[in-house]
Amino acid sequence: QVQLVESGGGLVQAGGSLRLSCAASGIIFSINVMGWYRQAPGKQRELVATITSGGRLNYADSVKGRFTISRDNAKNTVYLQMNNLKPEDTAVYYCNADVRIFSDPHRVNDYWGQGTQVTVSS
């Protein structure tokens, strides 16, 4: 019904930058919150940043001042600009969206992307 497709991961040296993108497609009525989460080996998945359809932002303390989340509501796409990357940012990054679909617009469904690997070398 709804697919989230991420792109933009890769290998970068410490201090470098990457930009992740996530496009949602399908029978979408509306999307409230879109966000990014990450999971490093042996660790639990954690919040990186979220943004509401109205533009309200939320960041993990570990990325404040380095990462910027943004979205294009017309394209159902969310971005994550990551600057001054550190080795501890190495993880699989997952896109998440709270979606209402046309067939049941009163229900909020939680969708995840397949993940994109970000590796930061020291």
N, C-alpha and C. Protein backbone atom coordinates (compact mmCIF):
# COMPACT_ATOMS: atom_id res chain seq x y z
N GLN A 1 0.82 -1.21 0.00
CA GLN A 1 0.00 0.00 0.00
C GLN A 1 0.85 1.26 0.00
N VAL A 2 1.84 1.28 0.87
CA VAL A 2 2.75 2.42 0.98
C VAL A 2 4.18 1.89 1.02
N GLN A 3 5.05 2.53 0.26
CA GLN A 3 6.46 2.16 0.26
C GLN A 3 7.30 3.39 0.59
N LEU A 4 8.33 3.16 1.37
CA LEU A 4 9.31 4.19 1.66
C LEU A 4 10.64 3.73 1.07
N VAL A 5 11.22 4.54 0.21
CA VAL A 5 12.47 4.19 -0.46
C VAL A 5 13.53 5.21 -0.10
N GLU A 6 14.60 4.71 0.54
CA GLU A 6 15.69 5.57 0.98
C GLU A 6 16.83 5.55 -0.03
N SER A 7 17.60 6.61 -0.04
CA SER A 7 18.81 6.67 -0.85
C SER A 7 19.78 7.66 -0.22
N GLY A 8 21.04 7.55 -0.62
CA GLY A 8 22.03 8.54 -0.21
C GLY A 8 23.05 8.06 0.79
N GLY A 9 22.95 6.84 1.28
CA GLY A 9 23.95 6.35 2.20
C GLY A 9 25.27 6.08 1.51
N GLY A 10 26.27 5.74 2.31
CA GLY A 10 27.58 5.43 1.72
C GLY A 10 28.68 5.51 2.74
N LEU A 11 29.91 5.55 2.22
CA LEU A 11 31.12 5.60 3.04
C LEU A 11 31.71 7.01 2.94
N VAL A 12 32.03 7.58 4.08
CA VAL A 12 32.59 8.93 4.11
C VAL A 12 33.61 9.02 5.24
N GLN A 13 34.57 9.89 5.09
CA GLN A 13 35.56 10.10 6.15
C GLN A 13 34.97 11.00 7.23
N ALA A 14 35.52 10.87 8.42
CA ALA A 14 35.10 11.73 9.52
C ALA A 14 35.24 13.20 9.12
N GLY A 15 34.22 13.98 9.49
CA GLY A 15 34.19 15.38 9.10
C GLY A 15 33.46 15.64 7.80
N GLY A 16 33.15 14.59 7.08
CA GLY A 16 32.47 14.72 5.80
C GLY A 16 30.97 14.85 5.94
N SER A 17 30.29 14.86 4.79
CA SER A 17 28.85 15.07 4.76
C SER A 17 28.17 14.04 3.87
N LEU A 18 26.93 13.75 4.19
CA LEU A 18 26.07 12.93 3.35
C LEU A 18 24.65 13.48 3.44
N ARG A 19 23.88 13.23 2.41
CA ARG A 19 22.46 13.63 2.41
C ARG A 19 21.61 12.41 2.10
N LEU A 20 20.73 12.08 3.02
CA LEU A 20 19.81 10.97 2.82
C LEU A 20 18.46 11.50 2.33
N SER A 21 17.81 10.70 1.49
CA SER A 21 16.48 11.03 1.01
C SER A 21 15.57 9.84 1.22
N CYS A 22 14.29 10.10 1.44
CA CYS A 22 13.31 9.04 1.59
C CYS A 22 12.00 9.50 0.95
N ALA A 23 11.57 8.77 -0.06
CA ALA A 23 10.34 9.11 -0.77
C ALA A 23 9.26 8.09 -0.45
N ALA A 24 8.10 8.59 -0.05
CA ALA A 24 6.96 7.73 0.23
C ALA A 24 6.04 7.71 -0.99
N SER A 25 5.55 6.52 -1.33
CA SER A 25 4.64 6.40 -2.46
C SER A 25 3.54 5.39 -2.13
N GLY A 26 2.44 5.49 -2.86
CA GLY A 26 1.33 4.59 -2.62
C GLY A 26 0.04 5.37 -2.48
N ILE A 27 -0.95 4.72 -1.88
CA ILE A 27 -2.28 5.34 -1.76
C ILE A 27 -2.33 6.22 -0.51
N ILE A 28 -1.56 7.30 -0.55
CA ILE A 28 -1.36 8.16 0.61
C ILE A 28 -2.41 9.25 0.68
N PHE A 29 -3.10 9.33 1.80
CA PHE A 29 -4.04 10.42 2.04
C PHE A 29 -3.30 11.60 2.68
N SER A 30 -2.52 11.31 3.69
CA SER A 30 -1.72 12.36 4.33
C SER A 30 -0.61 11.70 5.15
N ILE A 31 0.42 12.48 5.41
CA ILE A 31 1.52 12.04 6.28
C ILE A 31 1.74 13.10 7.34
N ASN A 32 1.70 12.72 8.60
CA ASN A 32 1.97 13.68 9.66
C ASN A 32 3.47 13.72 9.94
N VAL A 33 3.95 12.79 10.72
CA VAL A 33 5.35 12.80 11.10
C VAL A 33 6.17 11.93 10.15
N MET A 34 7.29 12.47 9.72
CA MET A 34 8.31 11.71 9.00
C MET A 34 9.61 11.84 9.78
N GLY A 35 10.41 10.80 9.74
CA GLY A 35 11.63 10.88 10.52
C GLY A 35 12.68 9.88 10.12
N TRP A 36 13.81 10.01 10.78
CA TRP A 36 14.94 9.12 10.58
C TRP A 36 15.34 8.49 11.91
N TYR A 37 15.62 7.22 11.85
CA TYR A 37 16.13 6.46 12.98
C TYR A 37 17.39 5.74 12.51
N ARG A 38 18.19 5.28 13.46
CA ARG A 38 19.39 4.54 13.08
C ARG A 38 19.63 3.41 14.05
N GLN A 39 20.34 2.40 13.54
CA GLN A 39 20.68 1.25 14.37
C GLN A 39 22.10 0.82 14.07
N ALA A 40 22.94 0.93 15.07
CA ALA A 40 24.33 0.49 14.95
C ALA A 40 24.42 -0.98 15.37
N PRO A 41 25.47 -1.68 14.94
CA PRO A 41 25.61 -3.10 15.30
C PRO A 41 25.59 -3.29 16.81
N GLY A 42 24.76 -4.22 17.27
CA GLY A 42 24.70 -4.53 18.68
C GLY A 42 23.94 -3.53 19.54
N LYS A 43 23.32 -2.55 18.88
CA LYS A 43 22.59 -1.52 19.63
C LYS A 43 21.13 -1.48 19.18
N GLN A 44 20.31 -0.86 20.01
CA GLN A 44 18.91 -0.70 19.67
C GLN A 44 18.72 0.44 18.68
N ARG A 45 17.63 0.37 17.93
CA ARG A 45 17.30 1.45 17.02
C ARG A 45 16.99 2.70 17.83
N GLU A 46 17.51 3.85 17.36
CA GLU A 46 17.32 5.08 18.10
C GLU A 46 16.85 6.19 17.17
N LEU A 47 16.15 7.15 17.77
CA LEU A 47 15.69 8.31 17.04
C LEU A 47 16.86 9.18 16.63
N VAL A 48 16.81 9.67 15.38
CA VAL A 48 17.78 10.68 14.93
C VAL A 48 17.09 12.04 14.85
N ALA A 49 16.02 12.11 14.07
CA ALA A 49 15.30 13.37 13.91
C ALA A 49 13.93 13.10 13.32
N THR A 50 12.97 13.97 13.68
CA THR A 50 11.63 13.90 13.10
C THR A 50 11.16 15.29 12.70
N ILE A 51 10.19 15.31 11.79
CA ILE A 51 9.60 16.56 11.34
C ILE A 51 8.13 16.32 11.06
N THR A 52 7.28 17.22 11.55
CA THR A 52 5.85 17.09 11.29
C THR A 52 5.49 17.77 9.97
N SER A 53 4.27 17.56 9.53
CA SER A 53 3.83 18.20 8.30
C SER A 53 3.81 19.72 8.43
N GLY A 54 3.70 20.20 9.65
CA GLY A 54 3.73 21.63 9.90
C GLY A 54 5.11 22.19 10.11
N GLY A 55 6.12 21.32 10.10
CA GLY A 55 7.50 21.78 10.19
C GLY A 55 8.11 21.75 11.58
N ARG A 56 7.42 21.16 12.55
CA ARG A 56 7.99 21.08 13.89
C ARG A 56 9.10 20.02 13.89
N LEU A 57 10.25 20.38 14.46
CA LEU A 57 11.44 19.55 14.41
C LEU A 57 11.77 18.96 15.77
N ASN A 58 12.41 17.79 15.72
CA ASN A 58 12.91 17.15 16.93
C ASN A 58 14.19 16.41 16.56
N TYR A 59 15.24 16.63 17.37
CA TYR A 59 16.54 16.01 17.11
C TYR A 59 17.04 15.28 18.35
N ALA A 60 17.77 14.20 18.11
CA ALA A 60 18.52 13.58 19.18
C ALA A 60 19.65 14.53 19.58
N ASP A 61 19.99 14.54 20.86
CA ASP A 61 21.04 15.45 21.33
C ASP A 61 22.36 15.20 20.61
N SER A 62 22.61 13.95 20.25
CA SER A 62 23.90 13.59 19.66
C SER A 62 24.10 14.16 18.26
N VAL A 63 23.03 14.61 17.61
CA VAL A 63 23.16 15.11 16.25
C VAL A 63 22.81 16.59 16.13
N LYS A 64 22.37 17.20 17.20
CA LYS A 64 22.00 18.62 17.15
C LYS A 64 23.20 19.46 16.71
N GLY A 65 22.93 20.38 15.78
CA GLY A 65 23.98 21.24 15.27
C GLY A 65 24.78 20.65 14.12
N ARG A 66 24.59 19.35 13.87
CA ARG A 66 25.31 18.69 12.76
C ARG A 66 24.36 18.18 11.68
N PHE A 67 23.20 17.70 12.09
CA PHE A 67 22.23 17.14 11.15
C PHE A 67 21.06 18.10 11.00
N THR A 68 20.48 18.12 9.79
CA THR A 68 19.29 18.92 9.52
C THR A 68 18.26 18.08 8.78
N ILE A 69 17.07 18.01 9.35
CA ILE A 69 15.98 17.28 8.69
C ILE A 69 15.07 18.29 7.99
N SER A 70 14.58 17.90 6.82
CA SER A 70 13.65 18.74 6.08
C SER A 70 12.72 17.85 5.27
N ARG A 71 11.66 18.43 4.73
CA ARG A 71 10.75 17.61 3.94
C ARG A 71 10.08 18.44 2.88
N ASP A 72 9.66 17.76 1.83
CA ASP A 72 8.88 18.35 0.75
C ASP A 72 7.52 17.66 0.80
N ASN A 73 6.53 18.35 1.34
CA ASN A 73 5.22 17.72 1.52
C ASN A 73 4.58 17.36 0.19
N ALA A 74 4.81 18.16 -0.82
CA ALA A 74 4.21 17.89 -2.13
C ALA A 74 4.75 16.61 -2.74
N LYS A 75 5.99 16.26 -2.38
CA LYS A 75 6.63 15.06 -2.93
C LYS A 75 6.63 13.90 -1.92
N ASN A 76 6.05 14.12 -0.74
CA ASN A 76 6.07 13.08 0.33
C ASN A 76 7.49 12.57 0.55
N THR A 77 8.42 13.49 0.61
CA THR A 77 9.83 13.14 0.73
C THR A 77 10.44 13.85 1.93
N VAL A 78 11.28 13.12 2.64
CA VAL A 78 12.01 13.67 3.78
C VAL A 78 13.50 13.51 3.51
N TYR A 79 14.26 14.49 3.98
CA TYR A 79 15.71 14.52 3.77
C TYR A 79 16.43 14.61 5.12
N LEU A 80 17.66 14.15 5.12
CA LEU A 80 18.52 14.31 6.29
C LEU A 80 19.89 14.73 5.80
N GLN A 81 20.23 15.98 6.04
CA GLN A 81 21.56 16.49 5.72
C GLN A 81 22.45 16.25 6.92
N MET A 82 23.51 15.49 6.72
CA MET A 82 24.41 15.13 7.82
C MET A 82 25.77 15.73 7.56
N ASN A 83 26.18 16.65 8.42
CA ASN A 83 27.47 17.31 8.31
C ASN A 83 28.35 16.95 9.49
N ASN A 84 29.64 17.16 9.32
CA ASN A 84 30.62 16.87 10.38
C ASN A 84 30.39 15.47 10.95
N LEU A 85 30.31 14.51 10.07
CA LEU A 85 30.04 13.14 10.49
C LEU A 85 31.17 12.58 11.34
N LYS A 86 30.77 11.75 12.30
CA LYS A 86 31.71 11.12 13.22
C LYS A 86 31.62 9.59 13.08
N PRO A 87 32.68 8.87 13.44
CA PRO A 87 32.62 7.40 13.37
C PRO A 87 31.43 6.82 14.14
N GLU A 88 31.04 7.48 15.23
CA GLU A 88 29.91 6.97 16.01
C GLU A 88 28.57 7.17 15.32
N ASP A 89 28.55 7.86 14.19
CA ASP A 89 27.32 7.98 13.39
C ASP A 89 27.12 6.77 12.48
N THR A 90 28.10 5.90 12.43
CA THR A 90 28.00 4.70 11.60
C THR A 90 26.83 3.84 12.04
N ALA A 91 25.94 3.55 11.10
CA ALA A 91 24.73 2.78 11.41
C ALA A 91 23.93 2.56 10.13
N VAL A 92 22.90 1.73 10.25
CA VAL A 92 21.89 1.67 9.20
C VAL A 92 20.83 2.71 9.56
N TYR A 93 20.53 3.57 8.61
CA TYR A 93 19.56 4.63 8.83
C TYR A 93 18.23 4.24 8.18
N TYR A 94 17.17 4.36 8.97
CA TYR A 94 15.83 3.98 8.52
C TYR A 94 14.91 5.19 8.47
N CYS A 95 14.14 5.27 7.43
CA CYS A 95 13.11 6.29 7.29
C CYS A 95 11.81 5.75 7.90
N ASN A 96 11.06 6.64 8.51
CA ASN A 96 9.79 6.28 9.13
C ASN A 96 8.73 7.33 8.80
N ALA A 97 7.49 6.88 8.63
CA ALA A 97 6.41 7.82 8.35
C ALA A 97 5.10 7.34 8.95
N ASP A 98 4.35 8.28 9.49
CA ASP A 98 3.00 8.01 10.01
C ASP A 98 2.02 8.41 8.91
N VAL A 99 1.37 7.42 8.29
CA VAL A 99 0.62 7.63 7.06
C VAL A 99 -0.85 7.30 7.23
N ARG A 100 -1.69 8.16 6.68
CA ARG A 100 -3.11 7.84 6.53
C ARG A 100 -3.34 7.50 5.06
N ILE A 101 -4.00 6.37 4.79
CA ILE A 101 -4.25 5.97 3.41
C ILE A 101 -5.68 6.28 3.03
N PHE A 102 -5.93 6.39 1.72
CA PHE A 102 -7.25 6.81 1.23
C PHE A 102 -8.36 5.87 1.66
N SER A 103 -8.09 4.58 1.69
CA SER A 103 -9.14 3.60 2.00
C SER A 103 -9.56 3.63 3.47
N ASP A 104 -8.71 4.24 4.33
CA ASP A 104 -9.03 4.31 5.76
C ASP A 104 -8.37 5.55 6.36
N PRO A 105 -8.81 6.74 6.00
CA PRO A 105 -8.11 7.98 6.39
C PRO A 105 -8.18 8.31 7.87
N HIS A 106 -8.97 7.58 8.65
CA HIS A 106 -9.05 7.86 10.08
C HIS A 106 -8.00 7.08 10.88
N ARG A 107 -7.29 6.20 10.23
CA ARG A 107 -6.32 5.34 10.90
C ARG A 107 -4.91 5.75 10.50
N VAL A 108 -4.03 5.86 11.49
CA VAL A 108 -2.62 6.17 11.24
C VAL A 108 -1.82 4.87 11.19
N ASN A 109 -1.09 4.69 10.11
CA ASN A 109 -0.26 3.49 9.93
C ASN A 109 1.21 3.87 9.97
N ASP A 110 2.00 3.03 10.57
CA ASP A 110 3.43 3.28 10.75
C ASP A 110 4.20 2.48 9.70
N TYR A 111 4.98 3.18 8.87
CA TYR A 111 5.74 2.52 7.83
C TYR A 111 7.24 2.79 7.99
N TRP A 112 8.04 1.80 7.56
CA TRP A 112 9.49 1.90 7.62
C TRP A 112 10.10 1.62 6.25
N GLY A 113 11.20 2.30 5.97
CA GLY A 113 11.98 1.98 4.80
C GLY A 113 12.87 0.78 5.05
N GLN A 114 13.61 0.38 4.02
CA GLN A 114 14.44 -0.82 4.11
C GLN A 114 15.79 -0.54 4.76
N GLY A 115 16.13 0.71 4.91
CA GLY A 115 17.39 1.08 5.55
C GLY A 115 18.49 1.35 4.55
N THR A 116 19.35 2.28 4.90
CA THR A 116 20.52 2.59 4.09
C THR A 116 21.73 2.71 5.00
N GLN A 117 22.83 2.11 4.57
CA GLN A 117 24.03 2.06 5.41
C GLN A 117 24.82 3.35 5.31
N VAL A 118 25.18 3.88 6.46
CA VAL A 118 26.10 5.03 6.54
C VAL A 118 27.32 4.57 7.34
N THR A 119 28.49 4.69 6.73
CA THR A 119 29.73 4.29 7.38
C THR A 119 30.68 5.47 7.39
N VAL A 120 31.15 5.83 8.58
CA VAL A 120 32.06 6.96 8.74
C VAL A 120 33.40 6.42 9.22
N SER A 121 34.43 6.62 8.43
CA SER A 121 35.76 6.13 8.79
C SER A 121 36.54 7.21 9.52
N SER A 122 37.40 6.78 10.42
CA SER A 122 38.19 7.74 11.21
C SER A 122 39.50 8.08 10.55
